[in-house]
Protein backbone atom coordinates (compact mmCIF):
# COMPACT_ATOMS: atom_id res chain seq x y z
CA MET A 1 5.77 7.06 -8.05
CA ASN A 2 9.11 8.11 -6.67
CA LYS A 3 11.67 5.61 -7.93
CA GLN A 4 14.50 6.86 -5.73
CA THR A 5 14.82 5.90 -2.12
CA HIS A 6 16.10 8.27 0.51
CA PRO A 7 17.20 6.46 3.64
CA ILE A 8 16.25 8.40 6.72
CA GLU A 9 16.83 7.79 10.37
CA PRO A 10 13.40 8.35 11.89
CA THR A 11 13.12 9.47 15.46
CA ASP A 12 11.04 7.58 18.01
CA ALA A 13 8.45 10.33 17.75
CA THR A 14 8.27 9.89 13.98
CA LEU A 15 7.88 6.13 14.29
CA LEU A 16 5.14 6.56 16.87
CA ALA A 17 3.35 9.05 14.61
CA TYR A 18 3.54 6.59 11.69
CA GLY A 19 2.23 3.85 13.97
CA ARG A 20 -0.72 6.00 15.04
CA GLU A 21 -1.60 6.76 11.42
CA VAL A 22 -1.43 3.07 10.47
CA GLY A 23 -3.57 2.28 13.52
CA LYS A 24 -6.18 4.81 12.38
CA LEU A 25 -6.18 3.34 8.90
CA LEU A 26 -6.61 -0.19 10.20
CA SER A 27 -9.32 0.79 12.68
CA SER A 28 -11.82 0.90 9.81
CA SER A 29 -10.81 -2.40 8.17
CA SER A 30 -8.28 -5.17 8.59
CA ALA A 31 -5.04 -5.27 6.63
CA GLU A 32 -6.46 -8.20 4.68
CA SER A 33 -9.56 -6.18 3.73
CA TRP A 34 -7.40 -3.24 2.63
CA ARG A 35 -5.27 -5.57 0.50
CA ASP A 36 -8.35 -7.08 -1.14
CA GLU A 37 -9.84 -3.64 -1.79
CA LEU A 38 -6.62 -2.47 -3.40
CA TRP A 39 -6.75 -5.36 -5.85
CA THR A 40 -10.40 -4.54 -6.57
CA ILE A 41 -9.47 -0.91 -7.28
CA PHE A 42 -6.57 -1.91 -9.51
CA THR A 43 -8.72 -4.43 -11.39
CA GLY A 44 -11.34 -1.73 -12.02
CA TYR A 45 -8.62 0.58 -13.27
CA ILE A 46 -7.34 -2.06 -15.69
CA ILE A 47 -10.87 -2.75 -16.96
CA SER A 48 -11.50 0.97 -17.47
CA LEU A 49 -8.44 1.22 -19.70
CA LYS A 50 -10.46 -0.47 -22.46
CA GLU A 51 -12.53 2.71 -22.66
CA GLN A 52 -9.80 5.20 -21.76
CA GLY A 53 -7.13 3.89 -24.09
CA HIS A 54 -3.38 3.73 -23.69
CA ALA A 55 -1.97 4.48 -20.22
CA PRO A 56 1.76 5.20 -20.38
CA GLU A 57 1.92 5.34 -16.57
CA LEU A 58 0.47 1.83 -16.15
CA CYS A 59 3.80 0.31 -15.14
CA ASP A 60 4.31 2.93 -12.40
CA THR A 61 0.72 2.47 -11.26
CA TYR A 62 1.18 -1.29 -11.03
CA PHE A 63 4.34 -0.99 -8.96
CA SER A 64 2.69 1.56 -6.65
CA PHE A 65 -0.15 -0.90 -6.05
CA LYS A 66 2.35 -3.71 -5.59
CA GLU A 67 4.15 -1.69 -2.91
CA LEU A 68 0.85 -0.97 -1.15
CA ILE A 69 -0.05 -4.67 -1.25
CA ALA A 70 3.36 -5.56 0.23
CA PHE A 71 2.82 -2.94 2.96
CA PHE A 72 -0.51 -4.44 4.00
CA GLU A 73 0.92 -7.98 3.87
CA ASN A 74 3.72 -6.85 6.21
CA VAL A 75 1.16 -5.23 8.52
CA GLU A 76 -0.77 -8.52 8.59
CA ARG A 77 2.40 -10.40 9.60
CA ILE A 78 3.15 -7.86 12.32
CA GLY A 79 -0.40 -8.24 13.59
CA ARG A 80 0.10 -12.01 13.84
CA GLY A 81 3.34 -11.46 15.75
CA GLU A 82 5.55 -12.75 12.94
CA ALA A 83 8.95 -11.19 12.32
CA LEU A 84 9.51 -9.38 9.06
């Protein structure tokens, strides 16, 4: 997980490209379904740690999942027409 942020000024073309990619992603499942699946994946990962042992990157993994969850929650709000 990259802990530094790099503010960029995206062009309209870049924003449209991002929007198309998000649209493709959401064409297979809703934002809510993606969010639920992410928690299922993370839960399975946590359960597997019993067998795998110590995971020094667990904190980074958690925050990566948390950021993905926040992304899909924001997408859900956008889809309902709510402001961010």
